[in-house]
């Protein structure tokens, strides 16, 4: 079986050591290197372990004609654009099973009409991870509040709606919140 382990690992900007440590149970960088180069046979078990460590589907690690990838043509660094020294790819985004989306229908703050916000759903014990980030919080009667999470105290979330002149809003004991993790924007 021809694998794309190295290609995907580099697209994820991970070292052999990063992948080895992220495996469950952890392994050695040498083992990952041998699996990448074909010096060691890749079993289904190894494919699943490495895919989990890289945060991709096992099928992303197998080279087949229908494999989705984007070839990197240039690297931008400030005002300089250079060709990559070696062939590189970017994997198209795939939603995680617990992700949800927000569609922006009218421009506001940093968001433009037509933007898609891919969001992670967080439970109350995880709300601290979203401090000082934009979030969507459910409110009674099927409504939502979107804004910057300023503080969290005693089951109450303090949000600052986006836009000039907005006043702070307090939402009590929301069952969950969603935090955008990826912006998908069509240019032009």
N, C-alpha and C. Protein backbone atom coordinates (compact mmCIF):
# COMPACT_ATOMS: atom_id res chain seq x y z
N UNK A 1 0.85 -1.18 0.00
CA UNK A 1 0.00 0.00 0.00
C UNK A 1 0.89 1.24 0.00
N UNK A 2 0.60 2.18 -0.87
CA UNK A 2 1.35 3.43 -0.94
C UNK A 2 0.66 4.44 -0.03
N UNK A 3 1.44 4.99 0.90
CA UNK A 3 0.84 5.93 1.85
C UNK A 3 1.29 7.36 1.59
N UNK A 4 0.56 8.28 2.16
CA UNK A 4 0.86 9.70 2.10
C UNK A 4 1.19 10.23 3.49
N UNK A 5 1.71 9.38 4.36
CA UNK A 5 1.95 9.79 5.75
C UNK A 5 2.86 11.01 5.81
N UNK A 6 3.99 10.96 5.10
CA UNK A 6 4.93 12.09 5.14
C UNK A 6 4.28 13.36 4.59
N UNK A 7 3.58 13.22 3.48
CA UNK A 7 2.93 14.36 2.85
C UNK A 7 1.93 15.03 3.80
N UNK A 8 1.12 14.20 4.45
CA UNK A 8 0.10 14.72 5.38
C UNK A 8 0.78 15.29 6.63
N UNK A 9 1.80 14.61 7.13
CA UNK A 9 2.52 15.10 8.32
C UNK A 9 3.11 16.49 8.05
N UNK A 10 3.71 16.65 6.89
CA UNK A 10 4.30 17.96 6.56
C UNK A 10 3.23 19.02 6.34
N UNK A 11 2.10 18.61 5.76
CA UNK A 11 0.99 19.55 5.57
C UNK A 11 0.46 20.02 6.92
N UNK A 12 0.52 19.15 7.91
CA UNK A 12 0.07 19.50 9.27
C UNK A 12 1.17 20.20 10.07
N UNK A 13 2.34 20.37 9.45
CA UNK A 13 3.50 21.02 10.07
C UNK A 13 3.91 20.33 11.37
N UNK A 14 3.97 19.01 11.30
CA UNK A 14 4.38 18.21 12.46
C UNK A 14 5.68 17.49 12.14
N UNK A 15 6.52 17.30 13.15
CA UNK A 15 7.77 16.55 13.00
C UNK A 15 7.49 15.08 13.26
N UNK A 16 8.46 14.24 12.94
CA UNK A 16 8.33 12.81 13.26
C UNK A 16 8.11 12.64 14.76
N UNK A 17 8.84 13.41 15.55
CA UNK A 17 8.70 13.33 17.01
C UNK A 17 7.30 13.75 17.46
N UNK A 18 6.74 14.80 16.86
CA UNK A 18 5.38 15.24 17.20
C UNK A 18 4.37 14.12 16.98
N UNK A 19 4.48 13.45 15.83
CA UNK A 19 3.54 12.37 15.50
C UNK A 19 3.75 11.19 16.44
N UNK A 20 5.01 10.84 16.69
CA UNK A 20 5.31 9.71 17.57
C UNK A 20 4.73 9.93 18.96
N UNK A 21 4.87 11.15 19.49
CA UNK A 21 4.34 11.47 20.83
C UNK A 21 2.81 11.51 20.84
N UNK A 22 2.20 11.92 19.72
CA UNK A 22 0.74 12.02 19.66
C UNK A 22 0.06 10.67 19.46
N UNK A 23 0.81 9.65 19.07
CA UNK A 23 0.24 8.32 18.90
C UNK A 23 -0.20 7.76 20.25
N UNK A 24 -1.23 6.93 20.24
CA UNK A 24 -1.69 6.25 21.44
C UNK A 24 -1.58 4.76 21.24
N UNK A 25 -0.71 4.08 21.96
CA UNK A 25 0.31 4.62 22.86
C UNK A 25 1.43 5.25 22.05
N UNK A 26 2.23 6.13 22.70
CA UNK A 26 3.33 6.79 22.00
C UNK A 26 4.32 5.79 21.41
N UNK A 27 4.99 6.19 20.37
CA UNK A 27 5.99 5.36 19.71
C UNK A 27 7.24 6.19 19.49
N UNK A 28 8.15 5.73 18.66
CA UNK A 28 9.39 6.47 18.41
C UNK A 28 9.34 7.18 17.07
N UNK A 29 10.09 8.27 16.93
CA UNK A 29 10.16 8.95 15.63
C UNK A 29 10.73 8.03 14.54
N UNK A 30 11.64 7.14 14.93
CA UNK A 30 12.23 6.21 13.96
C UNK A 30 11.16 5.29 13.37
N UNK A 31 10.25 4.83 14.21
CA UNK A 31 9.17 3.96 13.72
C UNK A 31 8.29 4.71 12.73
N UNK A 32 7.94 5.93 13.06
CA UNK A 32 7.11 6.74 12.14
C UNK A 32 7.87 6.94 10.83
N UNK A 33 9.16 7.23 10.91
CA UNK A 33 9.98 7.42 9.70
C UNK A 33 10.01 6.17 8.84
N UNK A 34 10.13 5.01 9.46
CA UNK A 34 10.15 3.75 8.70
C UNK A 34 8.80 3.49 8.04
N UNK A 35 7.72 3.83 8.73
CA UNK A 35 6.39 3.65 8.14
C UNK A 35 6.19 4.63 6.97
N UNK A 36 6.70 5.84 7.11
CA UNK A 36 6.59 6.84 6.03
C UNK A 36 7.33 6.40 4.77
N UNK A 37 8.53 5.87 4.94
CA UNK A 37 9.38 5.54 3.79
C UNK A 37 9.11 4.16 3.20
N UNK A 38 8.27 3.37 3.86
CA UNK A 38 7.96 2.04 3.37
C UNK A 38 8.95 0.99 3.82
N UNK A 39 9.88 1.36 4.70
CA UNK A 39 10.82 0.38 5.23
C UNK A 39 10.13 -0.59 6.18
N UNK A 40 8.96 -0.18 6.66
CA UNK A 40 8.15 -1.03 7.52
C UNK A 40 6.74 -1.03 6.96
N UNK A 41 6.10 -2.18 6.94
CA UNK A 41 4.76 -2.31 6.39
C UNK A 41 3.75 -1.59 7.28
N UNK A 42 2.86 -0.85 6.63
CA UNK A 42 1.83 -0.12 7.36
C UNK A 42 0.58 -0.99 7.46
N UNK A 43 0.26 -1.39 8.66
CA UNK A 43 -0.96 -2.18 8.89
C UNK A 43 -2.14 -1.22 9.08
N UNK A 44 -3.32 -1.77 9.08
CA UNK A 44 -4.52 -0.96 9.33
C UNK A 44 -4.44 -0.33 10.72
N UNK A 45 -3.93 -1.09 11.69
CA UNK A 45 -3.77 -0.57 13.05
C UNK A 45 -2.87 0.66 13.08
N UNK A 46 -1.71 0.56 12.39
CA UNK A 46 -0.79 1.70 12.34
C UNK A 46 -1.43 2.87 11.61
N UNK A 47 -2.14 2.59 10.53
CA UNK A 47 -2.79 3.65 9.77
C UNK A 47 -3.77 4.41 10.65
N UNK A 48 -4.56 3.68 11.44
CA UNK A 48 -5.52 4.32 12.34
C UNK A 48 -4.83 5.13 13.43
N UNK A 49 -3.74 4.58 14.02
CA UNK A 49 -3.00 5.29 15.07
C UNK A 49 -2.40 6.59 14.55
N UNK A 50 -1.78 6.51 13.39
CA UNK A 50 -1.12 7.70 12.83
C UNK A 50 -2.16 8.73 12.39
N UNK A 51 -3.26 8.26 11.81
CA UNK A 51 -4.33 9.19 11.41
C UNK A 51 -4.87 9.94 12.63
N UNK A 52 -5.09 9.23 13.72
CA UNK A 52 -5.58 9.88 14.95
C UNK A 52 -4.55 10.90 15.45
N UNK A 53 -3.27 10.55 15.40
CA UNK A 53 -2.21 11.46 15.86
C UNK A 53 -2.15 12.72 14.99
N UNK A 54 -2.42 12.58 13.72
CA UNK A 54 -2.38 13.71 12.79
C UNK A 54 -3.70 14.47 12.74
N UNK A 55 -4.76 13.90 13.31
CA UNK A 55 -6.06 14.55 13.28
C UNK A 55 -6.72 14.50 11.91
N UNK A 56 -6.51 13.40 11.18
CA UNK A 56 -7.12 13.23 9.86
C UNK A 56 -7.82 11.89 9.80
N UNK A 57 -8.55 11.65 8.73
CA UNK A 57 -9.18 10.35 8.51
C UNK A 57 -8.13 9.39 7.97
N UNK A 58 -8.21 8.11 8.33
CA UNK A 58 -7.25 7.14 7.80
C UNK A 58 -7.17 7.15 6.27
N UNK A 59 -8.27 7.42 5.60
CA UNK A 59 -8.26 7.45 4.13
C UNK A 59 -7.39 8.57 3.58
N UNK A 60 -7.15 9.63 4.40
CA UNK A 60 -6.26 10.72 3.96
C UNK A 60 -4.82 10.26 3.85
N UNK A 61 -4.49 9.14 4.49
CA UNK A 61 -3.10 8.66 4.50
C UNK A 61 -2.81 7.66 3.40
N UNK A 62 -3.83 7.29 2.64
CA UNK A 62 -3.65 6.32 1.57
C UNK A 62 -3.65 7.05 0.24
N UNK A 63 -2.65 6.76 -0.59
CA UNK A 63 -2.55 7.41 -1.90
C UNK A 63 -3.47 6.70 -2.88
N UNK A 64 -4.47 7.42 -3.34
CA UNK A 64 -5.37 6.88 -4.35
C UNK A 64 -5.79 8.02 -5.28
N UNK A 65 -6.25 7.71 -6.49
CA UNK A 65 -6.53 8.76 -7.47
C UNK A 65 -7.52 9.81 -7.00
N UNK A 66 -8.47 9.45 -6.14
CA UNK A 66 -9.49 10.40 -5.71
C UNK A 66 -9.07 11.17 -4.45
N UNK A 67 -7.83 11.01 -4.00
CA UNK A 67 -7.37 11.69 -2.79
C UNK A 67 -7.46 13.20 -2.97
N UNK A 68 -8.08 13.86 -1.98
CA UNK A 68 -8.24 15.30 -2.05
C UNK A 68 -7.00 15.99 -1.49
N UNK A 69 -6.42 16.88 -2.28
CA UNK A 69 -5.27 17.65 -1.82
C UNK A 69 -5.12 18.86 -2.73
N UNK A 70 -4.45 19.86 -2.22
CA UNK A 70 -4.13 21.06 -2.99
C UNK A 70 -2.62 21.19 -3.00
N UNK A 71 -2.04 21.28 -4.19
CA UNK A 71 -0.60 21.47 -4.29
C UNK A 71 -0.25 22.90 -3.90
N UNK A 72 0.83 23.05 -3.12
CA UNK A 72 1.30 24.37 -2.72
C UNK A 72 2.17 24.91 -3.85
N UNK A 73 1.81 26.07 -4.38
CA UNK A 73 2.55 26.66 -5.48
C UNK A 73 3.54 27.71 -4.99
N UNK A 74 3.22 28.38 -3.85
CA UNK A 74 4.11 29.42 -3.34
C UNK A 74 3.95 29.54 -1.83
N UNK A 75 4.98 30.13 -1.22
CA UNK A 75 4.97 30.42 0.21
C UNK A 75 5.06 31.94 0.35
N UNK A 76 4.11 32.55 1.11
CA UNK A 76 4.12 33.99 1.32
C UNK A 76 4.73 34.29 2.69
N UNK A 77 5.70 35.19 2.69
CA UNK A 77 6.35 35.60 3.93
C UNK A 77 6.52 37.11 3.86
N UNK A 78 5.62 37.82 4.52
CA UNK A 78 5.65 39.28 4.42
C UNK A 78 5.31 39.68 3.00
N UNK A 79 6.21 40.39 2.36
CA UNK A 79 5.98 40.84 0.99
C UNK A 79 6.66 39.94 -0.03
N UNK A 80 7.25 38.83 0.42
CA UNK A 80 8.00 37.96 -0.46
C UNK A 80 7.23 36.68 -0.73
N UNK A 81 7.16 36.28 -1.99
CA UNK A 81 6.55 35.01 -2.38
C UNK A 81 7.64 34.15 -3.01
N UNK A 82 7.80 32.94 -2.49
CA UNK A 82 8.82 32.03 -3.02
C UNK A 82 8.20 30.68 -3.30
N UNK A 83 8.81 29.95 -4.21
CA UNK A 83 8.37 28.59 -4.50
C UNK A 83 8.84 27.68 -3.37
N UNK A 84 8.07 26.68 -3.00
CA UNK A 84 8.53 25.75 -1.97
C UNK A 84 9.74 24.97 -2.46
N UNK A 85 10.66 24.65 -1.54
CA UNK A 85 11.86 23.91 -1.92
C UNK A 85 11.53 22.48 -2.30
N UNK A 86 10.54 21.91 -1.64
CA UNK A 86 10.08 20.55 -1.95
C UNK A 86 8.58 20.61 -2.19
N UNK A 87 8.08 19.62 -2.91
CA UNK A 87 6.64 19.56 -3.16
C UNK A 87 5.90 19.47 -1.82
N UNK A 88 4.88 20.28 -1.68
CA UNK A 88 4.06 20.29 -0.47
C UNK A 88 2.60 20.31 -0.87
N UNK A 89 1.76 19.85 0.03
CA UNK A 89 0.32 19.88 -0.20
C UNK A 89 -0.38 20.43 1.02
N UNK A 90 -1.60 20.88 0.81
CA UNK A 90 -2.50 21.30 1.87
C UNK A 90 -3.72 20.41 1.76
N UNK A 91 -4.17 19.89 2.88
CA UNK A 91 -5.37 19.05 2.87
C UNK A 91 -6.60 19.94 2.98
N UNK A 92 -7.61 19.72 2.13
CA UNK A 92 -8.84 20.49 2.26
C UNK A 92 -9.46 20.25 3.64
N UNK A 93 -10.10 21.26 4.21
CA UNK A 93 -10.68 21.08 5.55
C UNK A 93 -11.84 20.10 5.52
N UNK A 94 -11.94 19.35 6.60
CA UNK A 94 -13.06 18.43 6.81
C UNK A 94 -13.64 18.73 8.17
N UNK A 95 -14.95 18.78 8.28
CA UNK A 95 -15.53 19.05 9.60
C UNK A 95 -15.35 17.86 10.54
N UNK A 96 -15.16 18.19 11.82
CA UNK A 96 -15.14 17.17 12.87
C UNK A 96 -16.59 16.80 13.17
N UNK A 97 -16.82 15.61 13.73
CA UNK A 97 -18.21 15.18 13.99
C UNK A 97 -19.00 16.13 14.88
N UNK A 98 -18.35 16.85 15.80
CA UNK A 98 -19.09 17.72 16.72
C UNK A 98 -19.15 19.16 16.26
N UNK A 99 -18.58 19.47 15.10
CA UNK A 99 -18.59 20.86 14.64
C UNK A 99 -19.94 21.26 14.06
N UNK A 100 -20.21 22.56 14.16
CA UNK A 100 -21.40 23.16 13.57
C UNK A 100 -20.94 24.40 12.81
N UNK A 101 -21.82 24.99 12.03
CA UNK A 101 -21.44 26.16 11.24
C UNK A 101 -22.37 27.33 11.50
N UNK A 102 -21.84 28.51 11.29
CA UNK A 102 -22.61 29.75 11.32
C UNK A 102 -22.42 30.40 9.95
N UNK A 103 -23.51 30.79 9.31
CA UNK A 103 -23.45 31.51 8.04
C UNK A 103 -23.67 32.98 8.30
N UNK A 104 -22.78 33.82 7.80
CA UNK A 104 -22.89 35.27 7.97
C UNK A 104 -23.70 35.81 6.80
N UNK A 105 -24.84 36.42 7.10
CA UNK A 105 -25.72 36.93 6.04
C UNK A 105 -25.64 38.44 5.88
N UNK A 106 -25.02 39.13 6.85
CA UNK A 106 -24.79 40.57 6.74
C UNK A 106 -23.45 40.88 7.42
N UNK A 107 -22.64 41.69 6.79
CA UNK A 107 -21.31 41.99 7.32
C UNK A 107 -21.40 42.64 8.69
N UNK A 108 -20.45 42.26 9.57
CA UNK A 108 -20.34 42.87 10.89
C UNK A 108 -18.93 42.62 11.41
N UNK A 109 -18.34 43.65 11.97
CA UNK A 109 -16.98 43.59 12.51
C UNK A 109 -16.03 42.95 11.48
N UNK A 110 -15.35 41.87 11.84
CA UNK A 110 -14.39 41.23 10.93
C UNK A 110 -15.03 40.26 9.96
N UNK A 111 -16.32 40.04 10.07
CA UNK A 111 -17.00 39.04 9.25
C UNK A 111 -17.75 39.70 8.10
N UNK A 112 -17.72 39.03 6.93
CA UNK A 112 -18.37 39.57 5.73
C UNK A 112 -19.55 38.69 5.35
N UNK A 113 -20.50 39.27 4.68
CA UNK A 113 -21.64 38.51 4.18
C UNK A 113 -21.12 37.38 3.28
N UNK A 114 -21.61 36.18 3.51
CA UNK A 114 -21.17 35.03 2.73
C UNK A 114 -20.12 34.18 3.44
N UNK A 115 -19.55 34.69 4.53
CA UNK A 115 -18.57 33.91 5.29
C UNK A 115 -19.24 32.71 5.95
N UNK A 116 -18.46 31.63 6.06
CA UNK A 116 -18.87 30.46 6.84
C UNK A 116 -17.93 30.38 8.03
N UNK A 117 -18.48 30.24 9.21
CA UNK A 117 -17.67 30.05 10.41
C UNK A 117 -17.85 28.61 10.87
N UNK A 118 -16.78 27.84 10.85
CA UNK A 118 -16.82 26.47 11.35
C UNK A 118 -16.52 26.55 12.83
N UNK A 119 -17.36 25.96 13.63
CA UNK A 119 -17.28 26.15 15.08
C UNK A 119 -17.20 24.84 15.84
N UNK A 120 -16.49 24.90 16.97
CA UNK A 120 -16.46 23.78 17.91
C UNK A 120 -17.51 24.05 18.98
N UNK A 121 -18.24 23.02 19.33
CA UNK A 121 -19.24 23.13 20.40
C UNK A 121 -18.54 22.83 21.72
N UNK A 122 -18.69 23.71 22.70
CA UNK A 122 -18.09 23.53 24.01
C UNK A 122 -19.17 23.37 25.08
N UNK A 123 -18.93 22.46 25.99
CA UNK A 123 -19.83 22.26 27.13
C UNK A 123 -19.42 23.23 28.25
N UNK A 124 -20.30 23.47 29.25
CA UNK A 124 -20.01 24.46 30.29
C UNK A 124 -18.63 24.33 30.96
N UNK A 125 -18.16 23.11 31.20
CA UNK A 125 -16.86 22.95 31.86
C UNK A 125 -15.70 23.37 30.95
N UNK A 126 -15.96 23.58 29.66
CA UNK A 126 -14.93 23.98 28.70
C UNK A 126 -14.99 25.46 28.34
N UNK A 127 -15.92 26.21 28.90
CA UNK A 127 -16.12 27.61 28.52
C UNK A 127 -14.87 28.46 28.70
N UNK A 128 -14.02 28.14 29.64
CA UNK A 128 -12.80 28.90 29.87
C UNK A 128 -11.91 28.96 28.64
N UNK A 129 -11.99 27.95 27.77
CA UNK A 129 -11.19 27.92 26.54
C UNK A 129 -11.61 29.00 25.55
N UNK A 130 -12.79 29.57 25.75
CA UNK A 130 -13.32 30.54 24.78
C UNK A 130 -13.21 31.99 25.25
N UNK A 131 -12.59 32.23 26.41
CA UNK A 131 -12.47 33.60 26.90
C UNK A 131 -11.73 34.48 25.89
N UNK A 132 -12.25 35.68 25.70
CA UNK A 132 -11.70 36.68 24.78
C UNK A 132 -11.76 36.23 23.31
N UNK A 133 -12.71 35.37 23.01
CA UNK A 133 -12.93 34.94 21.62
C UNK A 133 -14.39 35.19 21.28
N UNK A 134 -14.69 35.23 19.98
CA UNK A 134 -16.07 35.37 19.55
C UNK A 134 -16.78 34.04 19.78
N UNK A 135 -18.01 34.11 20.28
CA UNK A 135 -18.79 32.90 20.57
C UNK A 135 -20.25 33.13 20.21
N UNK A 136 -20.96 32.02 20.04
CA UNK A 136 -22.40 32.03 19.85
C UNK A 136 -23.00 31.27 21.02
N UNK A 137 -23.93 31.91 21.73
CA UNK A 137 -24.51 31.33 22.94
C UNK A 137 -26.02 31.23 22.76
N UNK A 138 -26.62 30.06 23.09
CA UNK A 138 -28.08 29.95 22.98
C UNK A 138 -28.79 30.76 24.06
N UNK A 139 -29.94 31.30 23.68
CA UNK A 139 -30.79 32.06 24.61
C UNK A 139 -32.18 31.44 24.58
N UNK A 140 -33.06 31.83 25.46
CA UNK A 140 -34.42 31.27 25.46
C UNK A 140 -35.16 31.51 24.14
N UNK A 141 -36.15 30.69 23.89
CA UNK A 141 -37.04 30.81 22.73
C UNK A 141 -36.32 30.62 21.40
N UNK A 142 -35.26 29.81 21.38
CA UNK A 142 -34.58 29.48 20.13
C UNK A 142 -33.75 30.60 19.55
N UNK A 143 -33.43 31.60 20.36
CA UNK A 143 -32.59 32.70 19.88
C UNK A 143 -31.15 32.46 20.30
N UNK A 144 -30.24 33.28 19.76
CA UNK A 144 -28.82 33.18 20.08
C UNK A 144 -28.24 34.56 20.30
N UNK A 145 -27.12 34.61 20.99
CA UNK A 145 -26.35 35.84 21.16
C UNK A 145 -24.94 35.59 20.65
N UNK A 146 -24.46 36.46 19.78
CA UNK A 146 -23.11 36.34 19.23
C UNK A 146 -22.30 37.53 19.71
N UNK A 147 -21.10 37.27 20.18
CA UNK A 147 -20.24 38.37 20.63
C UNK A 147 -18.96 37.84 21.24
N UNK A 148 -18.13 38.76 21.73
CA UNK A 148 -16.85 38.42 22.36
C UNK A 148 -17.11 38.03 23.81
N UNK A 149 -16.62 36.86 24.22
CA UNK A 149 -16.78 36.39 25.59
C UNK A 149 -15.77 37.12 26.47
N UNK A 150 -16.26 38.00 27.33
CA UNK A 150 -15.40 38.82 28.17
C UNK A 150 -15.10 38.18 29.52
N UNK A 151 -16.11 37.55 30.11
CA UNK A 151 -15.94 36.98 31.45
C UNK A 151 -16.95 35.88 31.67
N UNK A 152 -16.63 35.08 32.66
CA UNK A 152 -17.51 33.98 33.07
C UNK A 152 -17.46 33.92 34.58
N UNK A 153 -18.62 34.06 35.21
CA UNK A 153 -18.66 33.99 36.67
C UNK A 153 -20.00 33.46 37.14
N UNK A 154 -19.93 32.47 38.01
CA UNK A 154 -21.12 31.88 38.64
C UNK A 154 -22.22 31.52 37.64
N UNK A 155 -21.86 30.83 36.57
CA UNK A 155 -22.85 30.39 35.59
C UNK A 155 -23.32 31.45 34.61
N UNK A 156 -22.77 32.65 34.71
CA UNK A 156 -23.16 33.73 33.80
C UNK A 156 -22.01 34.04 32.86
N UNK A 157 -22.36 34.26 31.60
CA UNK A 157 -21.38 34.65 30.60
C UNK A 157 -21.61 36.11 30.23
N UNK A 158 -20.52 36.88 30.21
CA UNK A 158 -20.57 38.29 29.84
C UNK A 158 -20.04 38.42 28.42
N UNK A 159 -20.92 38.87 27.51
CA UNK A 159 -20.56 39.00 26.10
C UNK A 159 -20.65 40.45 25.65
N UNK A 160 -19.74 40.83 24.76
CA UNK A 160 -19.81 42.14 24.14
C UNK A 160 -20.17 41.92 22.68
N UNK A 161 -21.42 42.26 22.28
CA UNK A 161 -21.82 42.09 20.88
C UNK A 161 -20.89 42.88 19.97
N UNK A 162 -20.67 42.36 18.77
CA UNK A 162 -19.78 43.02 17.82
C UNK A 162 -20.49 44.23 17.23
N UNK A 163 -19.74 45.26 16.94
CA UNK A 163 -20.31 46.47 16.37
C UNK A 163 -20.10 47.64 17.31
N UNK A 164 -20.10 48.83 16.75
CA UNK A 164 -19.84 50.01 17.56
C UNK A 164 -21.04 50.35 18.43
N UNK A 165 -20.76 50.81 19.63
CA UNK A 165 -21.80 51.24 20.55
C UNK A 165 -22.57 50.11 21.21
N UNK A 166 -22.14 48.87 21.04
CA UNK A 166 -22.86 47.74 21.62
C UNK A 166 -22.65 47.72 23.13
N UNK A 167 -23.67 47.27 23.85
CA UNK A 167 -23.59 47.17 25.31
C UNK A 167 -23.44 45.71 25.70
N UNK A 168 -22.74 45.50 26.78
CA UNK A 168 -22.48 44.15 27.29
C UNK A 168 -23.80 43.42 27.58
N UNK A 169 -23.82 42.11 27.26
CA UNK A 169 -24.99 41.27 27.48
C UNK A 169 -24.58 40.14 28.42
N UNK A 170 -25.45 39.79 29.36
CA UNK A 170 -25.19 38.68 30.27
C UNK A 170 -26.16 37.56 29.95
N UNK A 171 -25.62 36.37 29.75
CA UNK A 171 -26.45 35.19 29.47
C UNK A 171 -26.23 34.22 30.63
N UNK A 172 -27.34 33.82 31.27
CA UNK A 172 -27.26 32.94 32.43
C UNK A 172 -27.35 31.48 32.05
N UNK A 173 -26.44 30.69 32.57
CA UNK A 173 -26.43 29.23 32.49
C UNK A 173 -26.75 28.65 31.11
N UNK A 174 -26.01 29.03 30.08
CA UNK A 174 -26.26 28.42 28.77
C UNK A 174 -25.84 26.95 28.78
N UNK A 175 -26.54 26.13 28.04
CA UNK A 175 -26.26 24.69 28.00
C UNK A 175 -24.97 24.39 27.26
N UNK A 176 -24.59 25.26 26.32
CA UNK A 176 -23.38 25.09 25.51
C UNK A 176 -23.04 26.43 24.89
N UNK A 177 -21.91 26.50 24.24
CA UNK A 177 -21.59 27.63 23.37
C UNK A 177 -20.78 27.09 22.21
N UNK A 178 -20.72 27.85 21.13
CA UNK A 178 -19.88 27.45 20.00
C UNK A 178 -18.88 28.56 19.75
N UNK A 179 -17.65 28.13 19.43
CA UNK A 179 -16.57 29.07 19.18
C UNK A 179 -16.02 28.82 17.78
N UNK A 180 -15.99 29.86 16.93
CA UNK A 180 -15.45 29.69 15.58
C UNK A 180 -13.97 29.29 15.61
N UNK A 181 -13.63 28.29 14.79
CA UNK A 181 -12.24 27.83 14.71
C UNK A 181 -11.70 27.94 13.28
N UNK A 182 -12.59 28.12 12.32
CA UNK A 182 -12.13 28.22 10.93
C UNK A 182 -13.07 29.17 10.18
N UNK A 183 -12.48 30.08 9.44
CA UNK A 183 -13.23 31.02 8.61
C UNK A 183 -13.09 30.57 7.17
N UNK A 184 -14.22 30.35 6.50
CA UNK A 184 -14.22 30.01 5.08
C UNK A 184 -14.82 31.20 4.35
N UNK A 185 -13.98 31.82 3.53
CA UNK A 185 -14.41 33.04 2.84
C UNK A 185 -14.08 32.92 1.36
N UNK A 186 -15.06 33.22 0.55
CA UNK A 186 -14.86 33.25 -0.90
C UNK A 186 -14.31 34.62 -1.26
N UNK A 187 -13.23 34.65 -2.00
CA UNK A 187 -12.63 35.91 -2.41
C UNK A 187 -13.05 36.24 -3.83
N UNK A 188 -13.33 37.50 -4.06
CA UNK A 188 -13.65 37.94 -5.42
C UNK A 188 -15.05 37.74 -5.84
